[in-house]
């Protein structure tokens, strides 16, 4: 059995178990039994939430905002850009992406003292003076 299967199965089982209410507890509290259709809808919502979370974990959501401008630059110029200026949240998401997928982290500093992180062949330059979700236009040296 693979580790991922075990973890995902445990998460799904835990979500379904959280929805279960022991009958003796409901009777003791004097609550009427819930409509079976409502219970089924609750289970369906929980399964959808687990599915969406698993899909979210398998995607590269951390770097999507940076990948699109890089891809556009690549199509227009036939090469990856040297730099893209980004806000602090985007820079840290790229850092988290490296950690999550166990990629080598190459940090640096520009002549102005700004932090950089290498994402594939492009250096992301942290701009603390911009909005935290800022993604600038890619450029070369």
C-alpha atoms as a PDB file:
ATOM      1  CA  UNK A   1       0.000   0.000   0.000  1.00  0.00           C
ATOM      2  CA  UNK A   2       1.380   3.398  -0.955  1.00  0.00           C
ATOM      3  CA  UNK A   3       1.811   6.122   1.626  1.00  0.00           C
ATOM      4  CA  UNK A   4      -0.372   8.581  -0.338  1.00  0.00           C
ATOM      5  CA  UNK A   5      -3.222   6.048  -0.522  1.00  0.00           C
ATOM      6  CA  UNK A   6      -3.014   5.453   3.204  1.00  0.00           C
ATOM      7  CA  UNK A   7      -3.016   9.171   4.050  1.00  0.00           C
ATOM      8  CA  UNK A   8      -5.820  10.054   1.630  1.00  0.00           C
ATOM      9  CA  UNK A   9      -7.897   7.101   2.820  1.00  0.00           C
ATOM     10  CA  UNK A  10      -7.392   8.159   6.421  1.00  0.00           C
ATOM     11  CA  UNK A  11      -8.408  11.742   5.603  1.00  0.00           C
ATOM     12  CA  UNK A  12     -11.556  10.575   3.810  1.00  0.00           C
ATOM     13  CA  UNK A  13     -12.439   8.192   6.620  1.00  0.00           C
ATOM     14  CA  UNK A  14     -11.942  10.937   9.197  1.00  0.00           C
ATOM     15  CA  UNK A  15     -14.165  13.336   7.241  1.00  0.00           C
ATOM     16  CA  UNK A  16     -16.923  10.751   6.977  1.00  0.00           C
ATOM     17  CA  UNK A  17     -16.563   9.786  10.629  1.00  0.00           C
ATOM     18  CA  UNK A  18     -16.953  13.422  11.645  1.00  0.00           C
ATOM     19  CA  UNK A  19     -20.363  13.459   9.981  1.00  0.00           C
ATOM     20  CA  UNK A  20     -21.582  10.406  11.860  1.00  0.00           C
ATOM     21  CA  UNK A  21     -23.660  11.076  14.942  1.00  0.00           C
ATOM     22  CA  UNK A  22     -24.188   8.145  17.270  1.00  0.00           C
ATOM     23  CA  UNK A  23     -27.892   7.319  17.492  1.00  0.00           C
ATOM     24  CA  UNK A  24     -27.845   6.989  21.259  1.00  0.00           C
ATOM     25  CA  UNK A  25     -26.397  10.507  21.556  1.00  0.00           C
ATOM     26  CA  UNK A  26     -29.135  11.940  19.354  1.00  0.00           C
ATOM     27  CA  UNK A  27     -31.812  10.082  21.320  1.00  0.00           C
ATOM     28  CA  UNK A  28     -30.344  11.207  24.630  1.00  0.00           C
ATOM     29  CA  UNK A  29     -30.382  14.812  23.510  1.00  0.00           C
ATOM     30  CA  UNK A  30     -34.002  14.460  22.439  1.00  0.00           C
ATOM     31  CA  UNK A  31     -33.212  15.404  18.834  1.00  0.00           C
ATOM     32  CA  UNK A  32     -35.289  14.043  16.019  1.00  0.00           C
ATOM     33  CA  UNK A  33     -33.503  11.880  13.458  1.00  0.00           C
ATOM     34  CA  UNK A  34     -32.267  13.939  10.500  1.00  0.00           C
ATOM     35  CA  UNK A  35     -33.784  13.442   7.089  1.00  0.00           C
ATOM     36  CA  UNK A  36     -31.805  10.691   5.305  1.00  0.00           C
ATOM     37  CA  UNK A  37     -31.609  12.862   2.176  1.00  0.00           C
ATOM     38  CA  UNK A  38     -29.993  15.680   4.171  1.00  0.00           C
ATOM     39  CA  UNK A  39     -27.470  13.267   5.654  1.00  0.00           C
ATOM     40  CA  UNK A  40     -26.649  11.983   2.181  1.00  0.00           C
ATOM     41  CA  UNK A  41     -26.147  15.543   0.941  1.00  0.00           C
ATOM     42  CA  UNK A  42     -23.820  16.230   3.892  1.00  0.00           C
ATOM     43  CA  UNK A  43     -21.750  13.173   3.011  1.00  0.00           C
ATOM     44  CA  UNK A  44     -21.646  14.235  -0.663  1.00  0.00           C
ATOM     45  CA  UNK A  45     -20.444  17.730   0.368  1.00  0.00           C
ATOM     46  CA  UNK A  46     -17.741  16.223   2.561  1.00  0.00           C
ATOM     47  CA  UNK A  47     -16.558  13.927  -0.235  1.00  0.00           C
ATOM     48  CA  UNK A  48     -16.472  16.891  -2.656  1.00  0.00           C
ATOM     49  CA  UNK A  49     -14.451  18.916  -0.143  1.00  0.00           C
ATOM     50  CA  UNK A  50     -11.924  16.090   0.234  1.00  0.00           C
ATOM     51  CA  UNK A  51     -11.731  15.682  -3.558  1.00  0.00           C
ATOM     52  CA  UNK A  52     -11.173  19.420  -4.063  1.00  0.00           C
ATOM     53  CA  UNK A  53      -8.456  19.461  -1.397  1.00  0.00           C
ATOM     54  CA  UNK A  54      -6.676  16.512  -2.997  1.00  0.00           C
ATOM     55  CA  UNK A  55      -6.856  18.214  -6.422  1.00  0.00           C
ATOM     56  CA  UNK A  56      -5.530  21.425  -4.886  1.00  0.00           C
ATOM     57  CA  UNK A  57      -2.564  19.561  -3.374  1.00  0.00           C
ATOM     58  CA  UNK A  58      -1.631  17.967  -6.713  1.00  0.00           C
ATOM     59  CA  UNK A  59      -1.630  21.258  -8.622  1.00  0.00           C
ATOM     60  CA  UNK A  60       1.081  23.916  -8.731  1.00  0.00           C
ATOM     61  CA  UNK A  61      -1.212  26.594  -7.334  1.00  0.00           C
ATOM     62  CA  UNK A  62       1.688  28.341  -5.581  1.00  0.00           C
ATOM     63  CA  UNK A  63       3.424  29.351  -8.809  1.00  0.00           C
ATOM     64  CA  UNK A  64       0.530  29.673 -11.292  1.00  0.00           C
ATOM     65  CA  UNK A  65       0.573  33.468 -11.024  1.00  0.00           C
ATOM     66  CA  UNK A  66       4.233  33.544 -12.049  1.00  0.00           C
ATOM     67  CA  UNK A  67       4.118  30.769 -14.651  1.00  0.00           C
ATOM     68  CA  UNK A  68       1.624  32.542 -16.922  1.00  0.00           C
ATOM     69  CA  UNK A  69       3.738  35.707 -17.538  1.00  0.00           C
ATOM     70  CA  UNK A  70       6.862  33.530 -17.911  1.00  0.00           C
ATOM     71  CA  UNK A  71       5.077  31.352 -20.478  1.00  0.00           C
ATOM     72  CA  UNK A  72       3.979  34.446 -22.430  1.00  0.00           C
ATOM     73  CA  UNK A  73       7.548  35.795 -22.431  1.00  0.00           C
ATOM     74  CA  UNK A  74       8.857  32.402 -23.537  1.00  0.00           C
ATOM     75  CA  UNK A  75       6.474  32.278 -26.522  1.00  0.00           C
ATOM     76  CA  UNK A  76       7.319  35.851 -27.544  1.00  0.00           C
ATOM     77  CA  UNK A  77      11.112  35.649 -27.135  1.00  0.00           C
ATOM     78  CA  UNK A  78      11.975  31.968 -27.433  1.00  0.00           C
ATOM     79  CA  UNK A  79      13.697  31.935 -24.021  1.00  0.00           C
ATOM     80  CA  UNK A  80      12.918  32.208 -20.355  1.00  0.00           C
ATOM     81  CA  UNK A  81      13.162  35.712 -18.879  1.00  0.00           C
ATOM     82  CA  UNK A  82      16.034  36.523 -16.565  1.00  0.00           C
ATOM     83  CA  UNK A  83      13.884  38.271 -13.961  1.00  0.00           C
ATOM     84  CA  UNK A  84      10.304  38.737 -12.768  1.00  0.00           C
ATOM     85  CA  UNK A  85       9.547  41.123  -9.935  1.00  0.00           C
ATOM     86  CA  UNK A  86       6.988  39.790  -7.444  1.00  0.00           C
ATOM     87  CA  UNK A  87       5.387  40.744  -4.148  1.00  0.00           C
ATOM     88  CA  UNK A  88       6.234  39.105  -0.848  1.00  0.00           C
ATOM     89  CA  UNK A  89       3.358  36.592  -0.862  1.00  0.00           C
ATOM     90  CA  UNK A  90       4.170  35.389  -4.378  1.00  0.00           C
ATOM     91  CA  UNK A  91       7.869  35.100  -3.498  1.00  0.00           C
ATOM     92  CA  UNK A  92       7.100  33.072  -0.378  1.00  0.00           C
ATOM     93  CA  UNK A  93       4.685  30.849  -2.304  1.00  0.00           C
ATOM     94  CA  UNK A  94       7.497  30.089  -4.751  1.00  0.00           C
ATOM     95  CA  UNK A  95       9.718  29.277  -1.783  1.00  0.00           C
ATOM     96  CA  UNK A  96       7.021  27.002  -0.341  1.00  0.00           C
ATOM     97  CA  UNK A  97       6.693  25.293  -3.742  1.00  0.00           C
ATOM     98  CA  UNK A  98      10.418  24.482  -3.665  1.00  0.00           C
ATOM     99  CA  UNK A  99      10.093  23.050  -0.157  1.00  0.00           C
ATOM    100  CA  UNK A 100       6.932  21.065  -0.932  1.00  0.00           C
ATOM    101  CA  UNK A 101       8.345  19.424  -4.048  1.00  0.00           C
ATOM    102  CA  UNK A 102      11.861  19.111  -2.584  1.00  0.00           C
ATOM    103  CA  UNK A 103      13.481  21.248  -5.270  1.00  0.00           C
ATOM    104  CA  UNK A 104      16.847  22.895  -4.697  1.00  0.00           C
ATOM    105  CA  UNK A 105      16.463  26.421  -3.328  1.00  0.00           C
ATOM    106  CA  UNK A 106      18.793  28.992  -4.865  1.00  0.00           C
ATOM    107  CA  UNK A 107      18.546  32.291  -3.010  1.00  0.00           C
ATOM    108  CA  UNK A 108      20.425  35.448  -3.908  1.00  0.00           C
ATOM    109  CA  UNK A 109      20.472  39.226  -3.674  1.00  0.00           C
ATOM    110  CA  UNK A 110      20.472  41.891  -6.346  1.00  0.00           C
ATOM    111  CA  UNK A 111      22.805  44.884  -6.374  1.00  0.00           C
ATOM    112  CA  UNK A 112      19.998  46.892  -4.727  1.00  0.00           C
ATOM    113  CA  UNK A 113      19.807  44.314  -1.920  1.00  0.00           C
ATOM    114  CA  UNK A 114      16.531  42.690  -3.003  1.00  0.00           C
ATOM    115  CA  UNK A 115      16.091  38.969  -2.349  1.00  0.00           C
ATOM    116  CA  UNK A 116      15.842  36.589  -5.300  1.00  0.00           C
ATOM    117  CA  UNK A 117      14.878  32.967  -5.676  1.00  0.00           C
ATOM    118  CA  UNK A 118      15.552  30.930  -8.794  1.00  0.00           C
ATOM    119  CA  UNK A 119      12.425  29.355 -10.311  1.00  0.00           C
ATOM    120  CA  UNK A 120      13.551  27.173 -13.222  1.00  0.00           C
ATOM    121  CA  UNK A 121      15.664  29.600 -15.272  1.00  0.00           C
ATOM    122  CA  UNK A 122      14.075  32.813 -13.983  1.00  0.00           C
ATOM    123  CA  UNK A 123      14.982  34.749 -10.862  1.00  0.00           C
ATOM    124  CA  UNK A 124      12.028  36.042  -8.897  1.00  0.00           C
ATOM    125  CA  UNK A 125      12.923  39.393  -7.349  1.00  0.00           C
ATOM    126  CA  UNK A 126      11.062  40.230  -4.129  1.00  0.00           C
ATOM    127  CA  UNK A 127       9.589  43.727  -4.194  1.00  0.00           C
ATOM    128  CA  UNK A 128       8.556  44.680  -0.671  1.00  0.00           C
ATOM    129  CA  UNK A 129       7.402  48.105  -1.895  1.00  0.00           C
ATOM    130  CA  UNK A 130       4.668  46.524  -4.069  1.00  0.00           C
ATOM    131  CA  UNK A 131       1.431  44.776  -3.116  1.00  0.00           C
ATOM    132  CA  UNK A 132       2.018  41.322  -1.647  1.00  0.00           C
ATOM    133  CA  UNK A 133       0.300  39.626  -4.630  1.00  0.00           C
ATOM    134  CA  UNK A 134       2.165  41.721  -7.245  1.00  0.00           C
ATOM    135  CA  UNK A 135       3.579  39.983 -10.331  1.00  0.00           C
ATOM    136  CA  UNK A 136       5.469  42.285 -12.688  1.00  0.00           C
ATOM    137  CA  UNK A 137       6.345  41.886 -16.322  1.00  0.00           C
ATOM    138  CA  UNK A 138       9.236  39.513 -17.053  1.00  0.00           C
ATOM    139  CA  UNK A 139      12.448  41.105 -18.351  1.00  0.00           C
ATOM    140  CA  UNK A 140      16.064  40.375 -19.263  1.00  0.00           C
ATOM    141  CA  UNK A 141      19.253  41.899 -17.880  1.00  0.00           C
END
